[in-house]
Amino acid sequence: MQLTVNGRESDVPDGTGLPGLLESLGLRVGSVVVEHNGTALLRSELPGVQLQDGDRLELVRAVAGG
């Protein structure tokens, strides 16, 4: 299926869940803020997201510092 991730087209296997996509990109669920089709998701919502063809994702790494 085709997804748009941070403005770039990406092919992923059908049935891919959001945690699986993040893992394939070398990211941990707790280390990124995710916007799915224009809606910011809570960390607790991420495991239940099943991706669909045409979905749009924005992934932003959470960075701590001072």
PDB file of N, CA and C in Angstrom:
ATOM      1  N   MET A   1       0.841  -1.172   0.000  1.00  0.00           N
ATOM      2  CA  MET A   1       0.000   0.000   0.000  1.00  0.00           C
ATOM      3  C   MET A   1       0.887   1.236   0.000  1.00  0.00           C
ATOM      4  N   GLN A   2       0.335   2.331  -0.464  1.00  0.00           N
ATOM      5  CA  GLN A   2       1.052   3.608  -0.560  1.00  0.00           C
ATOM      6  C   GLN A   2       0.686   4.509   0.621  1.00  0.00           C
ATOM      7  N   LEU A   3       1.689   5.022   1.297  1.00  0.00           N
ATOM      8  CA  LEU A   3       1.522   5.994   2.365  1.00  0.00           C
ATOM      9  C   LEU A   3       2.347   7.223   2.026  1.00  0.00           C
ATOM     10  N   THR A   4       1.984   8.344   2.609  1.00  0.00           N
ATOM     11  CA  THR A   4       2.822   9.532   2.544  1.00  0.00           C
ATOM     12  C   THR A   4       3.362   9.753   3.948  1.00  0.00           C
ATOM     13  N   VAL A   5       4.675   9.655   4.095  1.00  0.00           N
ATOM     14  CA  VAL A   5       5.319   9.804   5.393  1.00  0.00           C
ATOM     15  C   VAL A   5       6.242  11.020   5.316  1.00  0.00           C
ATOM     16  N   ASN A   6       5.917  12.042   6.093  1.00  0.00           N
ATOM     17  CA  ASN A   6       6.674  13.294   6.097  1.00  0.00           C
ATOM     18  C   ASN A   6       6.854  13.838   4.681  1.00  0.00           C
ATOM     19  N   GLY A   7       5.758  13.778   3.906  1.00  0.00           N
ATOM     20  CA  GLY A   7       5.745  14.345   2.568  1.00  0.00           C
ATOM     21  C   GLY A   7       6.326  13.470   1.472  1.00  0.00           C
ATOM     22  N   ARG A   8       6.782  12.287   1.814  1.00  0.00           N
ATOM     23  CA  ARG A   8       7.368  11.376   0.816  1.00  0.00           C
ATOM     24  C   ARG A   8       6.523  10.125   0.666  1.00  0.00           C
ATOM     25  N   GLU A   9       6.333   9.713  -0.585  1.00  0.00           N
ATOM     26  CA  GLU A   9       5.592   8.487  -0.854  1.00  0.00           C
ATOM     27  C   GLU A   9       6.403   7.286  -0.366  1.00  0.00           C
ATOM     28  N   SER A  10       5.696   6.337   0.215  1.00  0.00           N
ATOM     29  CA  SER A  10       6.355   5.152   0.746  1.00  0.00           C
ATOM     30  C   SER A  10       5.475   3.935   0.513  1.00  0.00           C
ATOM     31  N   ASP A  11       6.063   2.841   0.047  1.00  0.00           N
ATOM     32  CA  ASP A  11       5.353   1.569  -0.122  1.00  0.00           C
ATOM     33  C   ASP A  11       5.585   0.715   1.113  1.00  0.00           C
ATOM     34  N   VAL A  12       4.510   0.202   1.695  1.00  0.00           N
ATOM     35  CA  VAL A  12       4.621  -0.705   2.838  1.00  0.00           C
ATOM     36  C   VAL A  12       3.695  -1.890   2.591  1.00  0.00           C
ATOM     37  N   PRO A  13       3.979  -3.023   3.212  1.00  0.00           N
ATOM     38  CA  PRO A  13       3.124  -4.199   3.024  1.00  0.00           C
ATOM     39  C   PRO A  13       1.704  -3.955   3.545  1.00  0.00           C
ATOM     40  N   ASP A  14       0.720  -4.503   2.857  1.00  0.00           N
ATOM     41  CA  ASP A  14      -0.665  -4.439   3.330  1.00  0.00           C
ATOM     42  C   ASP A  14      -0.742  -4.999   4.743  1.00  0.00           C
ATOM     43  N   GLY A  15      -1.601  -4.402   5.564  1.00  0.00           N
ATOM     44  CA  GLY A  15      -1.789  -4.889   6.927  1.00  0.00           C
ATOM     45  C   GLY A  15      -0.789  -4.356   7.923  1.00  0.00           C
ATOM     46  N   THR A  16       0.100  -3.459   7.499  1.00  0.00           N
ATOM     47  CA  THR A  16       1.093  -2.902   8.401  1.00  0.00           C
ATOM     48  C   THR A  16       0.419  -1.998   9.425  1.00  0.00           C
ATOM     49  N   GLY A  17       0.747  -2.200  10.680  1.00  0.00           N
ATOM     50  CA  GLY A  17       0.261  -1.328  11.746  1.00  0.00           C
ATOM     51  C   GLY A  17       1.259  -0.210  11.979  1.00  0.00           C
ATOM     52  N   LEU A  18       0.819   0.807  12.665  1.00  0.00           N
ATOM     53  CA  LEU A  18       1.697   1.944  12.931  1.00  0.00           C
ATOM     54  C   LEU A  18       2.941   1.546  13.721  1.00  0.00           C
ATOM     55  N   PRO A  19       2.822   0.736  14.778  1.00  0.00           N
ATOM     56  CA  PRO A  19       4.056   0.330  15.480  1.00  0.00           C
ATOM     57  C   PRO A  19       5.047  -0.392  14.568  1.00  0.00           C
ATOM     58  N   GLY A  20       4.543  -1.231  13.662  1.00  0.00           N
ATOM     59  CA  GLY A  20       5.423  -1.933  12.723  1.00  0.00           C
ATOM     60  C   GLY A  20       6.117  -0.980  11.776  1.00  0.00           C
ATOM     61  N   LEU A  21       5.390   0.042  11.309  1.00  0.00           N
ATOM     62  CA  LEU A  21       5.997   1.035  10.436  1.00  0.00           C
ATOM     63  C   LEU A  21       7.093   1.795  11.176  1.00  0.00           C
ATOM     64  N   LEU A  22       6.793   2.226  12.396  1.00  0.00           N
ATOM     65  CA  LEU A  22       7.793   2.961  13.175  1.00  0.00           C
ATOM     66  C   LEU A  22       9.044   2.111  13.383  1.00  0.00           C
ATOM     67  N   GLU A  23       8.846   0.850  13.722  1.00  0.00           N
ATOM     68  CA  GLU A  23       9.986  -0.052  13.924  1.00  0.00           C
ATOM     69  C   GLU A  23      10.810  -0.186  12.650  1.00  0.00           C
ATOM     70  N   SER A  24      10.147  -0.301  11.502  1.00  0.00           N
ATOM     71  CA  SER A  24      10.869  -0.447  10.237  1.00  0.00           C
ATOM     72  C   SER A  24      11.672   0.811   9.899  1.00  0.00           C
ATOM     73  N   LEU A  25      11.264   1.941  10.465  1.00  0.00           N
ATOM     74  CA  LEU A  25      11.988   3.196  10.255  1.00  0.00           C
ATOM     75  C   LEU A  25      13.041   3.453  11.331  1.00  0.00           C
ATOM     76  N   GLY A  26      13.206   2.485  12.245  1.00  0.00           N
ATOM     77  CA  GLY A  26      14.186   2.618  13.313  1.00  0.00           C
ATOM     78  C   GLY A  26      13.744   3.535  14.437  1.00  0.00           C
ATOM     79  N   LEU A  27      12.418   3.686  14.607  1.00  0.00           N
ATOM     80  CA  LEU A  27      11.869   4.559  15.643  1.00  0.00           C
ATOM     81  C   LEU A  27      11.111   3.747  16.678  1.00  0.00           C
ATOM     82  N   ARG A  28      11.086   4.248  17.912  1.00  0.00           N
ATOM     83  CA  ARG A  28      10.305   3.608  18.969  1.00  0.00           C
ATOM     84  C   ARG A  28       9.002   4.381  19.146  1.00  0.00           C
ATOM     85  N   VAL A  29       7.947   3.677  19.514  1.00  0.00           N
ATOM     86  CA  VAL A  29       6.638   4.299  19.682  1.00  0.00           C
ATOM     87  C   VAL A  29       6.716   5.508  20.614  1.00  0.00           C
ATOM     88  N   GLY A  30       7.435   5.426  21.693  1.00  0.00           N
ATOM     89  CA  GLY A  30       7.512   6.527  22.652  1.00  0.00           C
ATOM     90  C   GLY A  30       8.443   7.652  22.261  1.00  0.00           C
ATOM     91  N   SER A  31       9.152   7.507  21.150  1.00  0.00           N
ATOM     92  CA  SER A  31      10.152   8.513  20.791  1.00  0.00           C
ATOM     93  C   SER A  31       9.690   9.474  19.700  1.00  0.00           C
ATOM     94  N   VAL A  32       8.444   9.314  19.214  1.00  0.00           N
ATOM     95  CA  VAL A  32       7.960  10.176  18.145  1.00  0.00           C
ATOM     96  C   VAL A  32       6.547  10.672  18.443  1.00  0.00           C
ATOM     97  N   VAL A  33       6.260  11.849  17.908  1.00  0.00           N
ATOM     98  CA  VAL A  33       4.904  12.375  17.903  1.00  0.00           C
ATOM     99  C   VAL A  33       4.362  12.061  16.513  1.00  0.00           C
ATOM    100  N   VAL A  34       3.134  11.513  16.448  1.00  0.00           N
ATOM    101  CA  VAL A  34       2.574  11.065  15.185  1.00  0.00           C
ATOM    102  C   VAL A  34       1.287  11.827  14.875  1.00  0.00           C
ATOM    103  N   GLU A  35       1.238  12.350  13.652  1.00  0.00           N
ATOM    104  CA  GLU A  35       0.002  12.915  13.120  1.00  0.00           C
ATOM    105  C   GLU A  35      -0.451  11.985  12.007  1.00  0.00           C
ATOM    106  N   HIS A  36      -1.682  11.470  12.137  1.00  0.00           N
ATOM    107  CA  HIS A  36      -2.238  10.502  11.198  1.00  0.00           C
ATOM    108  C   HIS A  36      -3.427  11.136  10.499  1.00  0.00           C
ATOM    109  N   ASN A  37      -3.284  11.386   9.205  1.00  0.00           N
ATOM    110  CA  ASN A  37      -4.346  12.018   8.407  1.00  0.00           C
ATOM    111  C   ASN A  37      -4.838  13.316   9.039  1.00  0.00           C
ATOM    112  N   GLY A  38      -3.883  14.111   9.541  1.00  0.00           N
ATOM    113  CA  GLY A  38      -4.204  15.423  10.077  1.00  0.00           C
ATOM    114  C   GLY A  38      -4.582  15.457  11.546  1.00  0.00           C
ATOM    115  N   THR A  39      -4.596  14.320  12.204  1.00  0.00           N
ATOM    116  CA  THR A  39      -4.958  14.251  13.617  1.00  0.00           C
ATOM    117  C   THR A  39      -3.770  13.782  14.441  1.00  0.00           C
ATOM    118  N   ALA A  40      -3.377  14.591  15.442  1.00  0.00           N
ATOM    119  CA  ALA A  40      -2.298  14.186  16.340  1.00  0.00           C
ATOM    120  C   ALA A  40      -2.802  13.055  17.223  1.00  0.00           C
ATOM    121  N   LEU A  41      -1.976  12.035  17.377  1.00  0.00           N
ATOM    122  CA  LEU A  41      -2.358  10.863  18.168  1.00  0.00           C
ATOM    123  C   LEU A  41      -1.668  10.874  19.520  1.00  0.00           C
ATOM    124  N   LEU A  42      -2.397  10.382  20.519  1.00  0.00           N
ATOM    125  CA  LEU A  42      -1.792  10.160  21.828  1.00  0.00           C
ATOM    126  C   LEU A  42      -0.935   8.905  21.750  1.00  0.00           C
ATOM    127  N   ARG A  43       0.074   8.838  22.587  1.00  0.00           N
ATOM    128  CA  ARG A  43       0.948   7.661  22.590  1.00  0.00           C
ATOM    129  C   ARG A  43       0.139   6.387  22.808  1.00  0.00           C
ATOM    130  N   SER A  44      -0.880   6.454  23.662  1.00  0.00           N
ATOM    131  CA  SER A  44      -1.691   5.271  23.953  1.00  0.00           C
ATOM    132  C   SER A  44      -2.520   4.810  22.752  1.00  0.00           C
ATOM    133  N   GLU A  45      -2.731   5.673  21.767  1.00  0.00           N
ATOM    134  CA  GLU A  45      -3.508   5.314  20.579  1.00  0.00           C
ATOM    135  C   GLU A  45      -2.668   4.608  19.510  1.00  0.00           C
ATOM    136  N   LEU A  46      -1.361   4.783  19.540  1.00  0.00           N
ATOM    137  CA  LEU A  46      -0.491   4.293  18.465  1.00  0.00           C
ATOM    138  C   LEU A  46      -0.586   2.784  18.225  1.00  0.00           C
ATOM    139  N   PRO A  47      -0.597   1.950  19.275  1.00  0.00           N
ATOM    140  CA  PRO A  47      -0.624   0.506  19.006  1.00  0.00           C
ATOM    141  C   PRO A  47      -1.852   0.035  18.239  1.00  0.00           C
ATOM    142  N   GLY A  48      -2.971   0.732  18.338  1.00  0.00           N
ATOM    143  CA  GLY A  48      -4.193   0.288  17.689  1.00  0.00           C
ATOM    144  C   GLY A  48      -4.402   0.798  16.279  1.00  0.00           C
ATOM    145  N   VAL A  49      -3.472   1.598  15.766  1.00  0.00           N
ATOM    146  CA  VAL A  49      -3.660   2.189  14.434  1.00  0.00           C
ATOM    147  C   VAL A  49      -3.262   1.194  13.352  1.00  0.00           C
ATOM    148  N   GLN A  50      -4.234   0.827  12.536  1.00  0.00           N
ATOM    149  CA  GLN A  50      -3.986  -0.018  11.368  1.00  0.00           C
ATOM    150  C   GLN A  50      -3.950   0.908  10.158  1.00  0.00           C
ATOM    151  N   LEU A  51      -2.872   0.915   9.437  1.00  0.00           N
ATOM    152  CA  LEU A  51      -2.703   1.835   8.320  1.00  0.00           C
ATOM    153  C   LEU A  51      -3.484   1.373   7.100  1.00  0.00           C
ATOM    154  N   GLN A  52      -3.933   2.345   6.306  1.00  0.00           N
ATOM    155  CA  GLN A  52      -4.699   2.088   5.094  1.00  0.00           C
ATOM    156  C   GLN A  52      -4.016   2.761   3.907  1.00  0.00           C
ATOM    157  N   ASP A  53      -4.238   2.235   2.724  1.00  0.00           N
ATOM    158  CA  ASP A  53      -3.690   2.824   1.508  1.00  0.00           C
ATOM    159  C   ASP A  53      -4.106   4.293   1.420  1.00  0.00           C
ATOM    160  N   GLY A  54      -3.137   5.165   1.169  1.00  0.00           N
ATOM    161  CA  GLY A  54      -3.410   6.591   1.023  1.00  0.00           C
ATOM    162  C   GLY A  54      -3.270   7.398   2.297  1.00  0.00           C
ATOM    163  N   ASP A  55      -3.008   6.740   3.445  1.00  0.00           N
ATOM    164  CA  ASP A  55      -2.847   7.483   4.694  1.00  0.00           C
ATOM    165  C   ASP A  55      -1.678   8.455   4.605  1.00  0.00           C
ATOM    166  N   ARG A  56      -1.802   9.557   5.347  1.00  0.00           N
ATOM    167  CA  ARG A  56      -0.751  10.566   5.447  1.00  0.00           C
ATOM    168  C   ARG A  56      -0.262  10.616   6.893  1.00  0.00           C
ATOM    169  N   LEU A  57       1.051  10.513   7.056  1.00  0.00           N
ATOM    170  CA  LEU A  57       1.649  10.543   8.389  1.00  0.00           C
ATOM    171  C   LEU A  57       2.716  11.618   8.464  1.00  0.00           C
ATOM    172  N   GLU A  58       2.751  12.294   9.581  1.00  0.00           N
ATOM    173  CA  GLU A  58       3.852  13.191   9.908  1.00  0.00           C
ATOM    174  C   GLU A  58       4.463  12.638  11.185  1.00  0.00           C
ATOM    175  N   LEU A  59       5.756  12.373  11.154  1.00  0.00           N
ATOM    176  CA  LEU A  59       6.465  11.817  12.291  1.00  0.00           C
ATOM    177  C   LEU A  59       7.507  12.827  12.742  1.00  0.00           C
ATOM    178  N   VAL A  60       7.452  13.185  14.032  1.00  0.00           N
ATOM    179  CA  VAL A  60       8.403  14.144  14.582  1.00  0.00           C
ATOM    180  C   VAL A  60       9.042  13.506  15.802  1.00  0.00           C
ATOM    181  N   ARG A  61      10.367  13.463  15.797  1.00  0.00           N
ATOM    182  CA  ARG A  61      11.074  12.883  16.936  1.00  0.00           C
ATOM    183  C   ARG A  61      10.979  13.813  18.139  1.00  0.00           C
ATOM    184  N   ALA A  62      10.624  13.232  19.263  1.00  0.00           N
ATOM    185  CA  ALA A  62      10.596  13.982  20.513  1.00  0.00           C
ATOM    186  C   ALA A  62      12.023  14.078  21.028  1.00  0.00           C
ATOM    187  N   VAL A  63      12.451  15.299  21.352  1.00  0.00           N
ATOM    188  CA  VAL A  63      13.818  15.524  21.810  1.00  0.00           C
ATOM    189  C   VAL A  63      13.759  16.235  23.154  1.00  0.00           C
ATOM    190  N   ALA A  64      14.500  15.698  24.109  1.00  0.00           N
ATOM    191  CA  ALA A  64      14.583  16.340  25.425  1.00  0.00           C
ATOM    192  C   ALA A  64      15.888  17.117  25.502  1.00  0.00           C
ATOM    193  N   GLY A  65      15.875  18.157  26.225  1.00  0.00           N
ATOM    194  CA  GLY A  65      17.100  18.944  26.355  1.00  0.00           C
ATOM    195  C   GLY A  65      16.856  20.133  27.267  1.00  0.00           C
ATOM    196  N   GLY A  66      17.899  20.877  27.420  1.00  0.00           N
ATOM    197  CA  GLY A  66      17.727  22.021  28.315  1.00  0.00           C
ATOM    198  C   GLY A  66      18.609  23.152  27.936  1.00  0.00           C
TER     199      GLY A  66
END
